[in-house]
Amino acid sequence: ILSLPAGPVDESFEAYLFGMSGEEEALSVYLQRTCAMYGRQAAGEVTHLPPPMLRKYIAYAKAYCRPRLSPRAAKVLQDQYKEMRRTARSGGVPVTTRQLESLVRLAEARAKLSLRETVTETDAREVV
């Protein structure tokens, strides 16, 4: 676990999280989440954040994460929007810019969930 890359967002989340609770169990849960995030958890083993910890995680993400679209992610969303418009012309449901805005918000939310500052191409592909 100590060899995991600790970015500034992870460090600030840790300070935010443990500054508020001070529970040793919180450290254990945070480390389990980090291991799972980097794929170092045993197959089939599922860990869940307790509700109070999840609330703190979400509050932190809302307060401090403002992900921006990368050019590659923007291209993925743009291509999906164009395809949706093309399909709508041939008798489908009309597509407006609100759908594009929704795709962007979903991709940003996906990046925010991982506490990233940039929306990656993977995030964009997941939401389309």
N, C-alpha and C. Protein backbone atom coordinates (compact mmCIF):
# COMPACT_ATOMS: atom_id res chain seq x y z
N ILE A 1 0.82 -1.19 0.00
CA ILE A 1 0.00 0.00 0.00
C ILE A 1 0.86 1.25 0.00
N LEU A 2 1.98 1.17 0.67
CA LEU A 2 2.84 2.35 0.72
C LEU A 2 3.45 2.69 -0.63
N SER A 3 3.50 1.71 -1.53
CA SER A 3 4.07 1.97 -2.84
C SER A 3 3.07 2.56 -3.82
N LEU A 4 1.80 2.72 -3.39
CA LEU A 4 0.80 3.31 -4.27
C LEU A 4 1.11 4.78 -4.49
N PRO A 5 0.85 5.27 -5.70
CA PRO A 5 1.10 6.69 -5.93
C PRO A 5 0.13 7.53 -5.13
N ALA A 6 0.65 8.43 -4.34
CA ALA A 6 -0.19 9.31 -3.53
C ALA A 6 -0.18 10.69 -4.15
N GLY A 7 -1.26 11.03 -4.81
CA GLY A 7 -1.37 12.34 -5.43
C GLY A 7 -1.84 13.36 -4.42
N PRO A 8 -1.80 14.62 -4.80
CA PRO A 8 -2.23 15.68 -3.89
C PRO A 8 -3.71 15.53 -3.50
N VAL A 9 -4.53 15.03 -4.40
CA VAL A 9 -5.95 14.87 -4.08
C VAL A 9 -6.12 13.79 -3.02
N ASP A 10 -5.39 12.67 -3.16
CA ASP A 10 -5.47 11.60 -2.16
C ASP A 10 -5.02 12.10 -0.79
N GLU A 11 -3.93 12.85 -0.77
CA GLU A 11 -3.42 13.35 0.50
C GLU A 11 -4.40 14.33 1.14
N SER A 12 -4.99 15.20 0.33
CA SER A 12 -5.92 16.16 0.91
C SER A 12 -7.20 15.48 1.36
N PHE A 13 -7.63 14.43 0.64
CA PHE A 13 -8.81 13.68 1.07
C PHE A 13 -8.53 12.99 2.40
N GLU A 14 -7.34 12.42 2.51
CA GLU A 14 -6.97 11.74 3.75
C GLU A 14 -6.98 12.73 4.93
N ALA A 15 -6.43 13.91 4.71
CA ALA A 15 -6.42 14.91 5.78
C ALA A 15 -7.84 15.34 6.12
N TYR A 16 -8.66 15.53 5.11
CA TYR A 16 -10.06 15.92 5.31
C TYR A 16 -10.80 14.84 6.07
N LEU A 17 -10.62 13.61 5.64
CA LEU A 17 -11.33 12.48 6.22
C LEU A 17 -10.93 12.22 7.66
N PHE A 18 -9.64 12.14 7.90
CA PHE A 18 -9.18 11.77 9.23
C PHE A 18 -9.15 12.95 10.18
N GLY A 19 -9.11 14.15 9.65
CA GLY A 19 -9.22 15.32 10.49
C GLY A 19 -10.61 15.43 11.09
N MET A 20 -11.61 14.91 10.40
CA MET A 20 -12.99 15.00 10.87
C MET A 20 -13.36 13.86 11.81
N SER A 21 -12.79 12.67 11.59
CA SER A 21 -13.28 11.52 12.36
C SER A 21 -12.29 11.05 13.41
N GLY A 22 -11.03 10.88 13.07
CA GLY A 22 -10.04 10.41 14.01
C GLY A 22 -10.16 8.93 14.35
N GLU A 23 -10.98 8.19 13.65
CA GLU A 23 -11.15 6.76 13.94
C GLU A 23 -10.09 5.95 13.22
N GLU A 24 -9.53 4.97 13.93
CA GLU A 24 -8.54 4.10 13.28
C GLU A 24 -9.20 3.24 12.22
N GLU A 25 -10.46 2.90 12.44
CA GLU A 25 -11.18 2.09 11.47
C GLU A 25 -11.30 2.82 10.14
N ALA A 26 -11.40 4.13 10.18
CA ALA A 26 -11.52 4.92 8.96
C ALA A 26 -10.28 4.73 8.09
N LEU A 27 -9.11 4.67 8.70
CA LEU A 27 -7.89 4.45 7.94
C LEU A 27 -7.93 3.10 7.25
N SER A 28 -8.39 2.08 7.94
CA SER A 28 -8.49 0.75 7.38
C SER A 28 -9.41 0.74 6.16
N VAL A 29 -10.56 1.38 6.28
CA VAL A 29 -11.52 1.42 5.17
C VAL A 29 -10.95 2.20 4.00
N TYR A 30 -10.29 3.31 4.28
CA TYR A 30 -9.70 4.12 3.22
C TYR A 30 -8.63 3.32 2.47
N LEU A 31 -7.80 2.61 3.20
CA LEU A 31 -6.75 1.82 2.56
C LEU A 31 -7.35 0.67 1.74
N GLN A 32 -8.41 0.06 2.23
CA GLN A 32 -9.08 -0.99 1.46
C GLN A 32 -9.63 -0.42 0.16
N ARG A 33 -10.24 0.75 0.23
CA ARG A 33 -10.78 1.39 -0.97
C ARG A 33 -9.67 1.71 -1.96
N THR A 34 -8.56 2.20 -1.44
CA THR A 34 -7.44 2.53 -2.30
C THR A 34 -6.90 1.29 -2.99
N CYS A 35 -6.76 0.20 -2.25
CA CYS A 35 -6.28 -1.05 -2.84
C CYS A 35 -7.23 -1.54 -3.91
N ALA A 36 -8.52 -1.47 -3.63
CA ALA A 36 -9.51 -1.92 -4.61
C ALA A 36 -9.45 -1.05 -5.85
N MET A 37 -9.23 0.24 -5.66
CA MET A 37 -9.18 1.16 -6.78
C MET A 37 -8.01 0.84 -7.70
N TYR A 38 -6.90 0.39 -7.15
CA TYR A 38 -5.73 0.07 -7.94
C TYR A 38 -5.68 -1.40 -8.32
N GLY A 39 -6.76 -2.16 -8.09
CA GLY A 39 -6.84 -3.55 -8.52
C GLY A 39 -5.97 -4.50 -7.75
N ARG A 40 -5.64 -4.19 -6.51
CA ARG A 40 -4.77 -5.07 -5.73
C ARG A 40 -5.56 -5.85 -4.69
N GLN A 41 -6.87 -5.88 -4.84
CA GLN A 41 -7.71 -6.59 -3.90
C GLN A 41 -7.98 -7.99 -4.43
N ALA A 42 -8.13 -8.95 -3.56
CA ALA A 42 -8.37 -10.33 -3.96
C ALA A 42 -9.68 -10.42 -4.74
N ALA A 43 -9.71 -11.27 -5.75
CA ALA A 43 -10.90 -11.44 -6.58
C ALA A 43 -12.06 -11.93 -5.73
N GLY A 44 -13.22 -11.38 -5.98
CA GLY A 44 -14.42 -11.81 -5.28
C GLY A 44 -14.65 -11.12 -3.95
N GLU A 45 -13.66 -10.44 -3.42
CA GLU A 45 -13.81 -9.77 -2.13
C GLU A 45 -14.36 -8.37 -2.38
N VAL A 46 -15.44 -8.04 -1.71
CA VAL A 46 -16.08 -6.75 -1.89
C VAL A 46 -16.07 -6.00 -0.56
N THR A 47 -15.62 -4.76 -0.61
CA THR A 47 -15.67 -3.93 0.59
C THR A 47 -16.55 -2.73 0.29
N HIS A 48 -17.28 -2.31 1.27
CA HIS A 48 -18.15 -1.15 1.14
C HIS A 48 -17.76 -0.12 2.17
N LEU A 49 -17.87 1.13 1.77
CA LEU A 49 -17.64 2.20 2.73
C LEU A 49 -18.86 2.30 3.64
N PRO A 50 -18.64 2.46 4.93
CA PRO A 50 -19.79 2.68 5.81
C PRO A 50 -20.47 3.99 5.44
N PRO A 51 -21.78 4.11 5.65
CA PRO A 51 -22.51 5.33 5.25
C PRO A 51 -21.90 6.64 5.73
N PRO A 52 -21.43 6.75 6.98
CA PRO A 52 -20.82 8.04 7.38
C PRO A 52 -19.57 8.37 6.56
N MET A 53 -18.77 7.35 6.26
CA MET A 53 -17.55 7.55 5.47
C MET A 53 -17.92 7.94 4.03
N LEU A 54 -18.95 7.29 3.50
CA LEU A 54 -19.41 7.61 2.15
C LEU A 54 -19.90 9.05 2.07
N ARG A 55 -20.61 9.50 3.09
CA ARG A 55 -21.08 10.89 3.12
C ARG A 55 -19.89 11.86 3.10
N LYS A 56 -18.85 11.55 3.87
CA LYS A 56 -17.66 12.40 3.89
C LYS A 56 -16.95 12.40 2.53
N TYR A 57 -16.89 11.23 1.91
CA TYR A 57 -16.25 11.10 0.60
C TYR A 57 -16.99 11.96 -0.43
N ILE A 58 -18.31 11.86 -0.41
CA ILE A 58 -19.13 12.64 -1.36
C ILE A 58 -19.01 14.12 -1.07
N ALA A 59 -19.03 14.50 0.20
CA ALA A 59 -18.89 15.91 0.57
C ALA A 59 -17.54 16.46 0.11
N TYR A 60 -16.50 15.66 0.29
CA TYR A 60 -15.17 16.08 -0.16
C TYR A 60 -15.14 16.26 -1.68
N ALA A 61 -15.70 15.29 -2.41
CA ALA A 61 -15.71 15.36 -3.87
C ALA A 61 -16.48 16.59 -4.34
N LYS A 62 -17.60 16.88 -3.71
CA LYS A 62 -18.39 18.06 -4.08
C LYS A 62 -17.61 19.35 -3.81
N ALA A 63 -16.93 19.39 -2.70
CA ALA A 63 -16.25 20.62 -2.29
C ALA A 63 -14.95 20.88 -3.05
N TYR A 64 -14.20 19.82 -3.36
CA TYR A 64 -12.84 20.04 -3.86
C TYR A 64 -12.56 19.54 -5.28
N CYS A 65 -13.42 18.73 -5.86
CA CYS A 65 -13.14 18.19 -7.20
C CYS A 65 -13.92 18.96 -8.25
N ARG A 66 -13.20 19.48 -9.21
CA ARG A 66 -13.80 20.18 -10.34
C ARG A 66 -13.17 19.65 -11.63
N PRO A 67 -13.55 18.43 -12.04
CA PRO A 67 -12.90 17.85 -13.23
C PRO A 67 -13.23 18.62 -14.50
N ARG A 68 -12.24 18.67 -15.37
CA ARG A 68 -12.39 19.32 -16.68
C ARG A 68 -12.23 18.27 -17.77
N LEU A 69 -12.91 18.48 -18.88
CA LEU A 69 -12.84 17.54 -19.99
C LEU A 69 -11.47 17.60 -20.66
N SER A 70 -10.91 16.44 -20.91
CA SER A 70 -9.70 16.39 -21.71
C SER A 70 -10.13 16.44 -23.17
N PRO A 71 -9.24 16.80 -24.07
CA PRO A 71 -9.60 16.85 -25.49
C PRO A 71 -10.08 15.49 -26.01
N ARG A 72 -9.48 14.41 -25.57
CA ARG A 72 -9.88 13.08 -26.04
C ARG A 72 -11.28 12.72 -25.53
N ALA A 73 -11.58 13.08 -24.29
CA ALA A 73 -12.91 12.82 -23.75
C ALA A 73 -13.95 13.66 -24.48
N ALA A 74 -13.61 14.90 -24.77
CA ALA A 74 -14.53 15.77 -25.50
C ALA A 74 -14.83 15.20 -26.89
N LYS A 75 -13.82 14.64 -27.52
CA LYS A 75 -14.00 14.04 -28.85
C LYS A 75 -14.95 12.85 -28.78
N VAL A 76 -14.80 12.00 -27.76
CA VAL A 76 -15.69 10.84 -27.60
C VAL A 76 -17.13 11.30 -27.43
N LEU A 77 -17.35 12.31 -26.56
CA LEU A 77 -18.70 12.81 -26.33
C LEU A 77 -19.27 13.49 -27.58
N GLN A 78 -18.42 14.21 -28.28
CA GLN A 78 -18.85 14.88 -29.50
C GLN A 78 -19.27 13.86 -30.56
N ASP A 79 -18.49 12.80 -30.72
CA ASP A 79 -18.83 11.77 -31.70
C ASP A 79 -20.15 11.08 -31.34
N GLN A 80 -20.35 10.82 -30.06
CA GLN A 80 -21.60 10.18 -29.62
C GLN A 80 -22.79 11.11 -29.90
N TYR A 81 -22.62 12.38 -29.63
CA TYR A 81 -23.69 13.35 -29.87
C TYR A 81 -24.03 13.42 -31.36
N LYS A 82 -23.00 13.44 -32.19
CA LYS A 82 -23.23 13.48 -33.64
C LYS A 82 -24.00 12.23 -34.10
N GLU A 83 -23.63 11.09 -33.54
CA GLU A 83 -24.31 9.84 -33.89
C GLU A 83 -25.77 9.88 -33.44
N MET A 84 -26.01 10.41 -32.26
CA MET A 84 -27.38 10.53 -31.77
C MET A 84 -28.21 11.45 -32.67
N ARG A 85 -27.62 12.53 -33.11
CA ARG A 85 -28.32 13.47 -34.01
C ARG A 85 -28.60 12.81 -35.36
N ARG A 86 -27.64 12.07 -35.86
CA ARG A 86 -27.81 11.38 -37.13
C ARG A 86 -28.95 10.36 -37.04
N THR A 87 -29.01 9.64 -35.94
CA THR A 87 -30.07 8.65 -35.74
C THR A 87 -31.42 9.33 -35.61
N ALA A 88 -31.46 10.49 -34.96
CA ALA A 88 -32.72 11.21 -34.76
C ALA A 88 -33.29 11.72 -36.09
N ARG A 89 -32.44 12.05 -37.03
CA ARG A 89 -32.90 12.54 -38.33
C ARG A 89 -33.66 11.46 -39.11
N SER A 90 -33.31 10.22 -38.86
CA SER A 90 -33.96 9.13 -39.60
C SER A 90 -35.20 8.60 -38.87
N GLY A 91 -35.91 9.48 -38.16
CA GLY A 91 -37.17 9.10 -37.55
C GLY A 91 -37.12 8.79 -36.07
N GLY A 92 -36.01 9.04 -35.42
CA GLY A 92 -35.91 8.79 -33.97
C GLY A 92 -36.39 9.97 -33.15
N VAL A 93 -36.15 9.90 -31.88
CA VAL A 93 -36.50 10.98 -30.96
C VAL A 93 -35.57 12.16 -31.21
N PRO A 94 -36.11 13.38 -31.26
CA PRO A 94 -35.25 14.55 -31.47
C PRO A 94 -34.18 14.68 -30.39
N VAL A 95 -32.99 15.06 -30.81
CA VAL A 95 -31.86 15.21 -29.88
C VAL A 95 -31.47 16.68 -29.85
N THR A 96 -31.35 17.21 -28.65
CA THR A 96 -30.97 18.62 -28.49
C THR A 96 -29.62 18.71 -27.77
N THR A 97 -29.17 19.92 -27.59
CA THR A 97 -27.88 20.12 -26.89
C THR A 97 -27.98 19.73 -25.42
N ARG A 98 -29.19 19.60 -24.90
CA ARG A 98 -29.34 19.16 -23.51
C ARG A 98 -28.77 17.76 -23.32
N GLN A 99 -28.91 16.91 -24.35
CA GLN A 99 -28.33 15.57 -24.24
C GLN A 99 -26.81 15.64 -24.18
N LEU A 100 -26.22 16.52 -24.97
CA LEU A 100 -24.77 16.70 -24.93
C LEU A 100 -24.33 17.21 -23.55
N GLU A 101 -25.06 18.18 -23.03
CA GLU A 101 -24.74 18.70 -21.71
C GLU A 101 -24.86 17.60 -20.65
N SER A 102 -25.84 16.74 -20.80
CA SER A 102 -26.01 15.63 -19.86
C SER A 102 -24.85 14.66 -19.93
N LEU A 103 -24.38 14.37 -21.14
CA LEU A 103 -23.23 13.48 -21.31
C LEU A 103 -22.00 14.07 -20.63
N VAL A 104 -21.81 15.37 -20.79
CA VAL A 104 -20.66 16.04 -20.17
C VAL A 104 -20.77 15.96 -18.64
N ARG A 105 -21.96 16.24 -18.10
CA ARG A 105 -22.13 16.17 -16.65
C ARG A 105 -21.90 14.77 -16.11
N LEU A 106 -22.38 13.76 -16.84
CA LEU A 106 -22.17 12.37 -16.41
C LEU A 106 -20.68 12.01 -16.42
N ALA A 107 -19.97 12.43 -17.45
CA ALA A 107 -18.54 12.14 -17.53
C ALA A 107 -17.78 12.85 -16.40
N GLU A 108 -18.17 14.10 -16.12
CA GLU A 108 -17.54 14.82 -15.01
C GLU A 108 -17.83 14.14 -13.67
N ALA A 109 -19.05 13.66 -13.50
CA ALA A 109 -19.40 12.97 -12.26
C ALA A 109 -18.60 11.69 -12.11
N ARG A 110 -18.37 11.01 -13.20
CA ARG A 110 -17.59 9.76 -13.17
C ARG A 110 -16.15 10.06 -12.73
N ALA A 111 -15.58 11.13 -13.26
CA ALA A 111 -14.22 11.53 -12.86
C ALA A 111 -14.19 11.99 -11.40
N LYS A 112 -15.23 12.70 -11.00
CA LYS A 112 -15.31 13.19 -9.62
C LYS A 112 -15.38 12.02 -8.63
N LEU A 113 -16.05 10.95 -9.03
CA LEU A 113 -16.14 9.77 -8.18
C LEU A 113 -14.76 9.21 -7.86
N SER A 114 -13.83 9.32 -8.80
CA SER A 114 -12.46 8.85 -8.60
C SER A 114 -11.54 9.95 -8.10
N LEU A 115 -12.11 11.11 -7.78
CA LEU A 115 -11.35 12.26 -7.28
C LEU A 115 -10.28 12.71 -8.27
N ARG A 116 -10.60 12.67 -9.55
CA ARG A 116 -9.66 13.11 -10.58
C ARG A 116 -9.97 14.53 -11.02
N GLU A 117 -8.96 15.23 -11.45
CA GLU A 117 -9.13 16.60 -11.90
C GLU A 117 -9.43 16.68 -13.39
N THR A 118 -9.24 15.59 -14.11
CA THR A 118 -9.45 15.56 -15.55
C THR A 118 -10.37 14.41 -15.91
N VAL A 119 -11.33 14.69 -16.81
CA VAL A 119 -12.20 13.64 -17.33
C VAL A 119 -11.43 12.91 -18.42
N THR A 120 -11.23 11.63 -18.24
CA THR A 120 -10.45 10.85 -19.20
C THR A 120 -11.34 10.30 -20.31
N GLU A 121 -10.70 9.79 -21.32
CA GLU A 121 -11.41 9.16 -22.43
C GLU A 121 -12.21 7.96 -21.92
N THR A 122 -11.68 7.25 -20.95
CA THR A 122 -12.37 6.10 -20.36
C THR A 122 -13.67 6.54 -19.68
N ASP A 123 -13.62 7.66 -18.97
CA ASP A 123 -14.84 8.18 -18.34
C ASP A 123 -15.90 8.47 -19.39
N ALA A 124 -15.49 9.10 -20.47
CA ALA A 124 -16.43 9.44 -21.53
C ALA A 124 -17.02 8.20 -22.18
N ARG A 125 -16.19 7.19 -22.41
CA ARG A 125 -16.69 5.96 -23.01
C ARG A 125 -17.65 5.23 -22.08
N GLU A 126 -17.42 5.31 -20.78
CA GLU A 126 -18.31 4.66 -19.82
C GLU A 126 -19.70 5.28 -19.82
N VAL A 127 -19.80 6.57 -20.04
CA VAL A 127 -21.12 7.22 -19.98
C VAL A 127 -21.88 7.13 -21.30
N VAL A 128 -21.20 6.84 -22.39
CA VAL A 128 -21.92 6.69 -23.65
C VAL A 128 -22.27 5.26 -23.81
